[in-house]
Protein backbone atom coordinates (compact mmCIF):
# COMPACT_ATOMS: atom_id res chain seq x y z
CA UNK A 1 -39.78 26.96 -9.39
CA UNK A 2 -38.27 25.89 -12.67
CA UNK A 3 -41.07 24.56 -15.04
CA UNK A 4 -38.97 22.47 -17.32
CA UNK A 5 -38.71 19.06 -15.81
CA UNK A 6 -35.51 17.07 -14.95
CA UNK A 7 -35.64 13.86 -16.95
CA UNK A 8 -34.89 10.51 -15.22
CA UNK A 9 -34.11 7.22 -16.91
CA UNK A 10 -34.85 4.12 -14.89
CA UNK A 11 -32.65 1.05 -15.51
CA UNK A 12 -34.56 -1.94 -14.24
CA UNK A 13 -38.17 -2.13 -13.07
CA UNK A 14 -38.19 -5.14 -10.58
CA UNK A 15 -39.27 -4.95 -7.03
CA UNK A 16 -37.21 -1.78 -6.36
CA UNK A 17 -37.53 -0.17 -9.73
CA UNK A 18 -41.22 -0.38 -9.90
CA UNK A 19 -41.52 1.25 -6.40
CA UNK A 20 -39.27 3.95 -7.55
CA UNK A 21 -41.57 4.68 -10.51
CA UNK A 22 -44.66 4.47 -8.30
CA UNK A 23 -43.35 7.11 -5.78
CA UNK A 24 -42.13 9.41 -8.57
CA UNK A 25 -45.77 9.32 -9.93
CA UNK A 26 -47.69 9.50 -6.66
CA UNK A 27 -45.47 12.03 -4.91
CA UNK A 28 -44.70 14.10 -7.98
CA UNK A 29 -45.89 17.34 -6.55
CA UNK A 30 -43.99 16.88 -3.29
CA UNK A 31 -40.91 15.96 -5.07
CA UNK A 32 -41.05 18.92 -7.37
CA UNK A 33 -41.55 21.30 -4.35
CA UNK A 34 -38.50 19.71 -2.59
CA UNK A 35 -36.28 19.78 -5.63
CA UNK A 36 -37.37 23.07 -7.13
CA UNK A 37 -38.42 21.53 -10.50
CA UNK A 38 -40.60 18.77 -11.69
CA UNK A 39 -39.06 15.37 -12.31
CA UNK A 40 -40.18 13.41 -15.22
CA UNK A 41 -39.73 9.56 -15.92
CA UNK A 42 -38.33 9.75 -19.31
CA UNK A 43 -37.57 5.99 -20.03
CA UNK A 44 -37.50 2.69 -18.38
CA UNK A 45 -35.11 0.00 -19.61
CA UNK A 46 -36.27 -3.63 -18.95
CA UNK A 47 -35.40 -7.07 -20.22
CA UNK A 48 -39.05 -8.28 -20.74
CA UNK A 49 -41.10 -5.40 -22.42
CA UNK A 50 -44.30 -7.46 -22.77
CA UNK A 51 -44.75 -7.59 -19.01
CA UNK A 52 -47.50 -5.37 -17.69
CA UNK A 53 -46.22 -2.63 -15.39
CA UNK A 54 -49.04 -0.88 -13.62
CA UNK A 55 -48.63 3.03 -13.67
CA UNK A 56 -45.91 3.04 -16.34
CA UNK A 57 -46.70 4.35 -19.87
CA UNK A 58 -45.71 1.39 -22.18
CA UNK A 59 -44.24 4.10 -24.51
CA UNK A 60 -41.50 4.72 -22.03
CA UNK A 61 -40.55 1.01 -21.91
CA UNK A 62 -37.47 -0.03 -23.86
CA UNK A 63 -35.00 -3.02 -24.05
CA UNK A 64 -32.26 -0.73 -25.28
CA UNK A 65 -30.73 0.66 -22.11
CA UNK A 66 -27.59 1.87 -23.84
CA UNK A 67 -29.61 4.06 -26.26
CA UNK A 68 -31.68 5.34 -23.33
CA UNK A 69 -28.58 6.54 -21.37
CA UNK A 70 -26.98 7.99 -24.51
CA UNK A 71 -29.96 10.21 -25.42
CA UNK A 72 -28.20 13.46 -24.10
CA UNK A 73 -31.42 14.91 -22.49
CA UNK A 74 -31.32 12.75 -19.45
CA UNK A 75 -30.42 14.40 -16.23
CA UNK A 76 -30.33 11.44 -13.79
CA UNK A 77 -29.90 7.73 -14.39
CA UNK A 78 -31.29 5.43 -11.66
CA UNK A 79 -29.70 2.01 -11.78
CA UNK A 80 -31.34 -0.82 -9.97
CA UNK A 81 -30.62 -3.80 -12.24
CA UNK A 82 -27.81 -5.02 -10.09
CA UNK A 83 -24.72 -7.24 -11.14
CA UNK A 84 -21.56 -6.09 -12.77
CA UNK A 85 -22.27 -5.86 -16.44
CA UNK A 86 -24.16 -4.27 -18.14
CA UNK A 87 -24.58 -1.99 -15.19
CA UNK A 88 -20.99 -0.88 -15.17
CA UNK A 89 -20.98 0.12 -18.81
CA UNK A 90 -24.27 1.76 -18.60
CA UNK A 91 -23.19 3.94 -15.64
CA UNK A 92 -20.00 5.08 -17.30
CA UNK A 93 -21.86 5.86 -20.51
CA UNK A 94 -24.47 7.88 -18.49
CA UNK A 95 -21.64 9.95 -17.02
CA UNK A 96 -20.09 10.49 -20.57
CA UNK A 97 -23.50 11.61 -21.93
CA UNK A 98 -24.11 14.16 -19.17
CA UNK A 99 -26.24 12.30 -16.59
CA UNK A 100 -25.54 11.86 -12.95
CA UNK A 101 -26.41 8.44 -11.54
CA UNK A 102 -28.13 6.99 -8.42
CA UNK A 103 -27.38 3.34 -7.94
CA UNK A 104 -28.30 0.60 -5.45
CA UNK A 105 -25.76 -1.81 -6.87
CA UNK A 106 -23.68 -2.99 -3.90
CA UNK A 107 -21.73 -5.67 -5.82
CA UNK A 108 -20.59 -3.27 -8.56
CA UNK A 109 -19.60 -0.52 -6.02
CA UNK A 110 -17.65 -2.98 -3.88
CA UNK A 111 -15.87 -4.23 -6.91
CA UNK A 112 -15.30 -1.02 -9.03
CA UNK A 113 -16.28 1.86 -6.87
CA UNK A 114 -13.03 3.70 -7.34
CA UNK A 115 -13.31 3.54 -11.16
CA UNK A 116 -16.99 4.64 -11.06
CA UNK A 117 -16.18 7.68 -8.91
CA UNK A 118 -13.31 8.59 -11.22
CA UNK A 119 -15.66 8.43 -14.22
CA UNK A 120 -18.15 10.60 -12.33
CA UNK A 121 -15.45 13.14 -11.31
CA UNK A 122 -14.04 13.27 -14.85
CA UNK A 123 -17.41 14.13 -16.32
CA UNK A 124 -18.42 16.42 -13.36
CA UNK A 125 -21.37 14.40 -12.47
CA UNK A 126 -22.67 12.86 -9.11
CA UNK A 127 -22.62 9.19 -8.13
CA UNK A 128 -24.90 8.46 -5.19
CA UNK A 129 -25.67 5.08 -3.63
CA UNK A 130 -27.48 5.23 -0.31
CA UNK A 131 -29.56 2.26 -1.23
CA UNK A 132 -26.58 -0.01 -1.74
CA UNK A 133 -26.16 -0.60 1.93
CA UNK A 134 -28.94 -1.18 4.68
CA UNK A 135 -32.05 -0.40 2.52
CA UNK A 136 -33.99 2.52 3.95
CA UNK A 137 -31.50 3.30 6.77
CA UNK A 138 -29.78 6.60 6.23
CA UNK A 139 -26.23 5.51 6.61
CA UNK A 140 -23.97 6.32 3.60
CA UNK A 141 -24.84 10.13 3.68
CA UNK A 142 -24.23 10.43 7.58
CA UNK A 143 -20.84 8.62 7.07
CA UNK A 144 -19.95 10.85 3.98
CA UNK A 145 -21.38 14.08 5.36
CA UNK A 146 -22.64 14.36 8.83
CA UNK A 147 -19.47 12.64 10.36
CA UNK A 148 -16.97 14.12 7.68
CA UNK A 149 -15.29 16.18 10.40
CA UNK A 150 -14.98 13.23 12.81
CA UNK A 151 -12.62 10.33 12.95
CA UNK A 152 -14.54 6.96 12.59
CA UNK A 153 -12.78 3.95 14.44
CA UNK A 154 -15.33 1.20 13.94
CA UNK A 155 -18.32 0.29 12.07
CA UNK A 156 -20.13 -2.82 13.08
CA UNK A 157 -23.54 -4.06 12.00
CA UNK A 158 -26.18 -6.43 10.80
CA UNK A 159 -26.53 -5.54 7.07
CA UNK A 160 -28.43 -8.54 5.72
CA UNK A 161 -32.10 -9.03 6.72
CA UNK A 162 -32.36 -12.66 5.47
CA UNK A 163 -29.44 -13.91 7.69
CA UNK A 164 -30.71 -11.97 10.70
CA UNK A 165 -34.13 -13.43 10.31
CA UNK A 166 -32.67 -16.99 10.20
CA UNK A 167 -30.44 -16.47 13.21
CA UNK A 168 -33.19 -14.71 15.19
CA UNK A 169 -35.53 -17.74 14.46
CA UNK A 170 -32.77 -20.21 15.70
CA UNK A 171 -32.36 -18.08 18.77
CA UNK A 172 -36.06 -17.55 19.72
CA UNK A 173 -37.33 -21.05 18.85
CA UNK A 174 -34.40 -23.31 19.09
CA UNK A 175 -34.82 -24.33 15.44
CA UNK A 176 -32.05 -25.70 13.45
CA UNK A 177 -30.30 -23.82 10.57
CA UNK A 178 -32.19 -25.63 7.69
CA UNK A 179 -35.52 -25.28 9.42
CA UNK A 180 -35.05 -21.62 9.88
CA UNK A 181 -33.92 -21.18 6.34
CA UNK A 182 -36.98 -23.06 5.03
CA UNK A 183 -39.21 -20.81 6.95
CA UNK A 184 -37.34 -17.65 5.66
CA UNK A 185 -37.73 -18.98 2.06
CA UNK A 186 -41.57 -19.69 2.63
CA UNK A 187 -42.03 -16.16 3.85
CA UNK A 188 -40.18 -14.59 1.11
CA UNK A 189 -37.15 -13.33 3.12
CA UNK A 190 -34.78 -15.77 1.37
CA UNK A 191 -34.32 -16.22 -2.35
CA UNK A 192 -34.81 -19.57 -3.96
CA UNK A 193 -30.90 -19.58 -4.03
CA UNK A 194 -29.96 -18.06 -0.83
CA UNK A 195 -26.11 -18.42 -1.35
CA UNK A 196 -25.43 -14.72 -1.60
CA UNK A 197 -27.07 -13.99 1.68
CA UNK A 198 -26.10 -17.02 3.88
CA UNK A 199 -22.56 -17.27 2.60
CA UNK A 200 -22.16 -13.62 3.37
CA UNK A 201 -21.36 -12.43 -0.25
CA UNK A 202 -24.06 -9.73 0.12
CA UNK A 203 -22.86 -8.55 3.54
CA UNK A 204 -19.12 -8.56 2.41
CA UNK A 205 -19.94 -6.22 -0.48
CA UNK A 206 -21.72 -3.90 1.98
CA UNK A 207 -18.71 -4.06 4.31
CA UNK A 208 -16.35 -3.08 1.57
CA UNK A 209 -18.44 0.00 0.84
CA UNK A 210 -18.69 0.93 4.42
CA UNK A 211 -15.02 0.62 5.20
CA UNK A 212 -14.00 2.66 2.29
CA UNK A 213 -16.27 5.61 3.21
CA UNK A 214 -15.52 5.21 7.01
CA UNK A 215 -11.76 5.25 6.67
CA UNK A 216 -11.26 7.19 3.41
CA UNK A 217 -9.31 4.44 1.81
CA UNK A 218 -9.70 2.04 -1.03
CA UNK A 219 -11.39 -1.36 0.23
CA UNK A 220 -12.59 -3.74 -2.41
CA UNK A 221 -14.78 -6.86 -2.09
CA UNK A 222 -11.58 -9.02 -2.32
CA UNK A 223 -10.08 -7.24 0.80
CA UNK A 224 -13.09 -8.42 2.90
CA UNK A 225 -12.78 -11.64 4.95
CA UNK A 226 -16.03 -13.72 4.55
CA UNK A 227 -17.44 -16.57 6.44
CA UNK A 228 -20.96 -17.78 5.98
CA UNK A 229 -23.44 -18.81 8.56
CA UNK A 230 -24.57 -22.27 7.40
CA UNK A 231 -22.42 -24.11 10.07
CA UNK A 232 -24.20 -22.33 13.01
CA UNK A 233 -26.14 -24.89 15.05
CA UNK A 234 -28.50 -24.92 17.79
CA UNK A 235 -25.81 -26.01 20.09
CA UNK A 236 -23.96 -22.79 19.39
CA UNK A 237 -26.91 -20.83 20.42
CA UNK A 238 -27.18 -22.83 23.59
CA UNK A 239 -23.63 -21.99 24.42
CA UNK A 240 -24.22 -18.39 23.61
CA UNK A 241 -26.99 -18.18 26.06
CA UNK A 242 -24.93 -19.72 28.72
CA UNK A 243 -22.60 -16.84 28.25
CA UNK A 244 -25.40 -14.12 28.11
CA UNK A 245 -24.93 -13.81 24.47
CA UNK A 246 -26.78 -14.37 21.15
CA UNK A 247 -25.33 -14.84 17.69
CA UNK A 248 -25.44 -12.43 14.78
CA UNK A 249 -23.88 -12.32 11.23
CA UNK A 250 -21.72 -9.23 11.70
CA UNK A 251 -20.05 -6.94 9.13
CA UNK A 252 -17.08 -5.45 10.95
CA UNK A 253 -14.80 -2.57 9.70
CA UNK A 254 -12.10 -1.38 12.11
CA UNK A 255 -9.14 1.05 12.12
CA UNK A 256 -6.08 -0.31 13.78
CA UNK A 257 -5.20 1.16 17.12
CA UNK A 258 -2.11 2.67 15.68
CA UNK A 259 -4.13 4.20 12.85
CA UNK A 260 -1.90 2.63 10.21
CA UNK A 261 -4.24 0.01 8.63
CA UNK A 262 -7.85 -1.13 8.58
CA UNK A 263 -9.67 -4.50 8.43
CA UNK A 264 -12.97 -5.50 7.06
CA UNK A 265 -14.66 -8.85 7.84
CA UNK A 266 -18.00 -10.69 7.80
CA UNK A 267 -18.71 -13.71 9.97
CA UNK A 268 -21.01 -15.12 12.55
CA UNK A 269 -20.16 -13.94 16.14
CA UNK A 270 -21.41 -14.12 19.67
CA UNK A 271 -22.47 -10.74 20.94
CA UNK A 272 -23.59 -10.02 24.51
CA UNK A 273 -27.38 -9.37 25.12
CA UNK A 274 -26.43 -6.02 26.50
CA UNK A 275 -25.18 -4.68 23.15
CA UNK A 276 -27.68 -2.68 21.24
CA UNK A 277 -27.17 -5.06 18.06
CA UNK A 278 -28.18 -8.17 20.04
CA UNK A 279 -31.92 -6.82 20.22
CA UNK A 280 -32.19 -6.42 16.44
CA UNK A 281 -34.88 -8.89 15.51
CA UNK A 282 -36.36 -10.49 12.26
CA UNK A 283 -35.25 -9.09 8.94
CA UNK A 284 -34.18 -5.75 10.29
CA UNK A 285 -30.71 -4.25 9.88
CA UNK A 286 -28.64 -2.09 12.26
CA UNK A 287 -25.20 -0.44 12.14
CA UNK A 288 -23.22 0.64 15.13
CA UNK A 289 -20.66 3.32 14.50
CA UNK A 290 -17.93 4.44 16.91
CA UNK A 291 -16.06 7.63 16.34
CA UNK A 292 -13.71 10.05 18.30
CA UNK A 293 -16.07 13.01 18.78
CA UNK A 294 -19.62 11.59 18.27
CA UNK A 295 -18.98 8.52 20.32
CA UNK A 296 -21.34 5.61 19.68
CA UNK A 297 -24.16 5.92 17.19
CA UNK A 298 -26.59 3.26 15.98
CA UNK A 299 -28.64 3.41 12.70
CA UNK A 300 -31.56 0.97 12.66
CA UNK A 301 -34.45 0.04 10.38
CA UNK A 302 -35.76 -2.17 7.48
CA UNK A 303 -32.72 -3.17 5.35
CA UNK A 304 -34.33 -4.53 2.30
CA UNK A 305 -37.58 -4.72 0.27
CA UNK A 306 -39.12 -2.70 -2.55
CA UNK A 307 -40.54 0.35 -0.73
CA UNK A 308 -37.64 0.71 1.90
CA UNK A 309 -34.99 0.55 -0.74
CA UNK A 310 -37.02 2.88 -3.07
CA UNK A 311 -37.06 5.39 -0.26
CA UNK A 312 -33.30 5.57 -0.26
CA UNK A 313 -33.19 5.80 -4.07
CA UNK A 314 -35.58 8.70 -3.91
CA UNK A 315 -33.71 10.52 -1.18
CA UNK A 316 -30.52 10.35 -3.55
CA UNK A 317 -32.66 11.42 -6.48
CA UNK A 318 -33.73 14.49 -4.71
CA UNK A 319 -30.18 15.30 -3.72
CA UNK A 320 -28.75 14.77 -7.11
CA UNK A 321 -31.61 16.87 -8.78
CA UNK A 322 -30.95 19.80 -6.33
CA UNK A 323 -27.31 19.58 -7.30
CA UNK A 324 -28.18 19.67 -10.93
CA UNK A 325 -30.25 22.82 -10.56
CA UNK A 326 -27.59 24.58 -8.57
CA UNK A 327 -24.70 23.58 -10.95
CA UNK A 328 -22.91 21.72 -8.21
CA UNK A 329 -21.96 18.20 -7.31
CA UNK A 330 -22.14 16.48 -4.05
CA UNK A 331 -19.39 14.75 -2.17
CA UNK A 332 -17.28 12.38 -4.36
CA UNK A 333 -14.65 9.67 -3.44
CA UNK A 334 -12.56 10.24 -0.51
CA UNK A 335 -9.61 7.84 -0.39
CA UNK A 336 -6.79 10.15 0.71
CA UNK A 337 -5.53 7.98 3.47
CA UNK A 338 -4.57 4.99 1.26
CA UNK A 339 -4.47 2.77 4.39
CA UNK A 340 -3.60 -0.86 3.77
CA UNK A 341 -6.18 -3.58 4.55
CA UNK A 342 -4.77 -5.96 7.10
CA UNK A 343 -5.27 -9.76 6.57
CA UNK A 344 -7.68 -11.69 8.79
CA UNK A 345 -4.72 -13.36 10.53
CA UNK A 346 -3.78 -10.04 12.08
CA UNK A 347 -7.36 -9.35 13.44
CA UNK A 348 -7.45 -9.56 17.29
CA UNK A 349 -10.72 -10.63 19.08
CA UNK A 350 -12.07 -13.09 21.64
CA UNK A 351 -12.99 -16.75 20.74
CA UNK A 352 -15.31 -19.32 22.02
CA UNK A 353 -14.15 -22.86 21.26
CA UNK A 354 -15.99 -26.02 21.84
CA UNK A 355 -13.87 -29.33 22.00
CA UNK A 356 -14.96 -32.87 22.21
CA UNK A 357 -12.46 -34.57 24.62
CA UNK A 358 -11.81 -37.76 26.53
CA UNK A 359 -13.21 -37.66 29.98
CA UNK A 360 -10.12 -38.44 32.03
CA UNK A 361 -7.60 -36.77 34.37
CA UNK A 362 -5.16 -34.44 32.78
CA UNK A 363 -7.18 -33.42 29.69
CA UNK A 364 -7.69 -29.82 30.85
CA UNK A 365 -4.09 -29.35 31.77
CA UNK A 366 -2.94 -30.55 28.21
CA UNK A 367 -5.37 -28.19 26.48
CA UNK A 368 -4.47 -25.36 28.67
CA UNK A 369 -0.83 -25.94 27.92
CA UNK A 370 -1.46 -25.85 24.08
CA UNK A 371 -3.09 -22.34 24.54
CA UNK A 372 -0.21 -21.16 26.51
CA UNK A 373 2.39 -22.34 23.98
CA UNK A 374 0.66 -20.31 21.27
CA UNK A 375 0.32 -17.25 23.43
CA UNK A 376 -3.56 -17.36 23.77
CA UNK A 377 -4.75 -16.47 27.21
CA UNK A 378 -7.85 -18.35 28.55
CA UNK A 379 -10.64 -16.38 30.24
CA UNK A 380 -12.93 -19.03 31.19
CA UNK A 381 -13.20 -22.94 30.82
CA UNK A 382 -16.32 -25.12 31.30
CA UNK A 383 -16.12 -28.89 31.21
CA UNK A 384 -18.91 -31.44 31.28
CA UNK A 385 -18.31 -35.25 31.01
CA UNK A 386 -20.09 -38.58 31.04
CA UNK A 387 -19.27 -42.24 30.12
CA UNK A 388 -15.77 -41.52 28.90
CA UNK A 389 -16.63 -38.56 26.65
CA UNK A 390 -16.73 -34.80 27.60
CA UNK A 391 -17.14 -31.45 26.10
CA UNK A 392 -14.73 -28.62 26.90
CA UNK A 393 -15.80 -25.01 26.28
CA UNK A 394 -12.89 -22.41 26.37
CA UNK A 395 -13.47 -18.67 26.03
CA UNK A 396 -10.21 -16.75 25.42
CA UNK A 397 -9.06 -13.25 26.11
CA UNK A 398 -8.22 -11.25 22.96
CA UNK A 399 -6.02 -13.07 20.50
CA UNK A 400 -5.11 -12.84 16.81
CA UNK A 401 -6.77 -15.00 14.37
CA UNK A 402 -3.38 -16.53 13.26
CA UNK A 403 -2.49 -17.54 16.87
CA UNK A 404 -5.89 -19.02 17.44
CA UNK A 405 -5.64 -21.11 14.13
CA UNK A 406 -2.29 -22.35 15.34
CA UNK A 407 -3.77 -23.25 18.58
CA UNK A 408 -6.55 -25.26 17.08
CA UNK A 409 -4.28 -27.08 14.86
CA UNK A 410 -2.24 -28.11 17.81
CA UNK A 411 -5.33 -29.17 19.70
CA UNK A 412 -6.31 -31.45 16.99
CA UNK A 413 -3.04 -33.36 17.28
CA UNK A 414 -3.75 -34.31 20.87
CA UNK A 415 -4.92 -37.86 21.38
CA UNK A 416 -7.36 -36.70 24.06
CA UNK A 417 -9.08 -34.28 21.83
CA UNK A 418 -11.74 -36.08 19.70
CA UNK A 419 -12.70 -33.06 17.57
CA UNK A 420 -13.28 -29.34 17.44
CA UNK A 421 -17.11 -28.97 17.57
CA UNK A 422 -17.16 -25.22 16.87
CA UNK A 423 -15.08 -22.00 16.89
CA UNK A 424 -16.76 -18.68 17.13
CA UNK A 425 -15.65 -15.14 17.77
CA UNK A 426 -16.94 -13.00 20.39
CA UNK A 427 -17.55 -9.40 19.58
CA UNK A 428 -19.08 -6.29 21.10
CA UNK A 429 -17.19 -6.15 24.35
């Protein structure tokens, strides 16, 4: 074993960063044995140096992150500060000064992953980011390495624990959205400002990363269709149960049937109870992968939290340190296909539409005619009426998003349609 330690700079020492530092200290001997050399925490960049950080030598703490990554003796930089800047500049500076990088920064990778990979390659350095998607779940490396010889056709998953907790609570207790969100906040699953989670910004960033890796093409955050879950109601869950379904916020990345394009989207969807993703409860994450040779695979586990995310960071750290000792680098960017990302209007799936209609003869015929005129085939219809008012629930066969939108606009113009109560996609069949 090499006795000279590999030096690690830690950018950020919050919930995840403090766990990374703790594991590096408490598991130092095991890490050294697995890597082939000891690893040494050489510096910790923070915003508030006066805060007491248990187990970290105060002499290692600095507010000058740029100077830390420029030192020249740093072998690996671990970036867990998040956001776009200064993280982007610090990572590229680290590459330029001889360090490889382990990051958990999903937002940055979704926006500028191509540029970061190019900077790593130009400086012959590693960029690893297992912790950017699904916390502790091994997912990025299986997609980049274990399935490198296979053709992946679809990646569909629950990649945000906060939203899954809320939807699971609504499903299991009949709670409304706000009530479930309040409980998630009280238990620490949701931030004081839950926007990034409930409006699906977090999941969309992860979908962009997954689609790019799975399909070997460039997919940025702006390419991902995003729809939040704050309009999901208890009535939607009641309808889902009548269909033998539940509702999940899903990240879905698909290769077109002809192989000529890909799609990436995040939105609430009904999913059959028979599908493996339907049983994912609480704040857990799970990702379902479909490929030509391997078939169907599911990756499941805790998708957030200090210790689970730190586990993924340390796994990358071990891999990068091993590469450093051998003089090699691991898998880099693979975007050779250059497939276009199709707009949401071209996505084909099933739909569940709930309409408020007048309770009188001929309404169903009018509604069915509108669907037919827009080329949308109906699978099932359920109608309930009382005192002149009725609800009409239509489940379609597979249709494009554009044709469904045209259908809904036409329905709204009918005098007998009082309103469109809800529209939800049906996935997993």
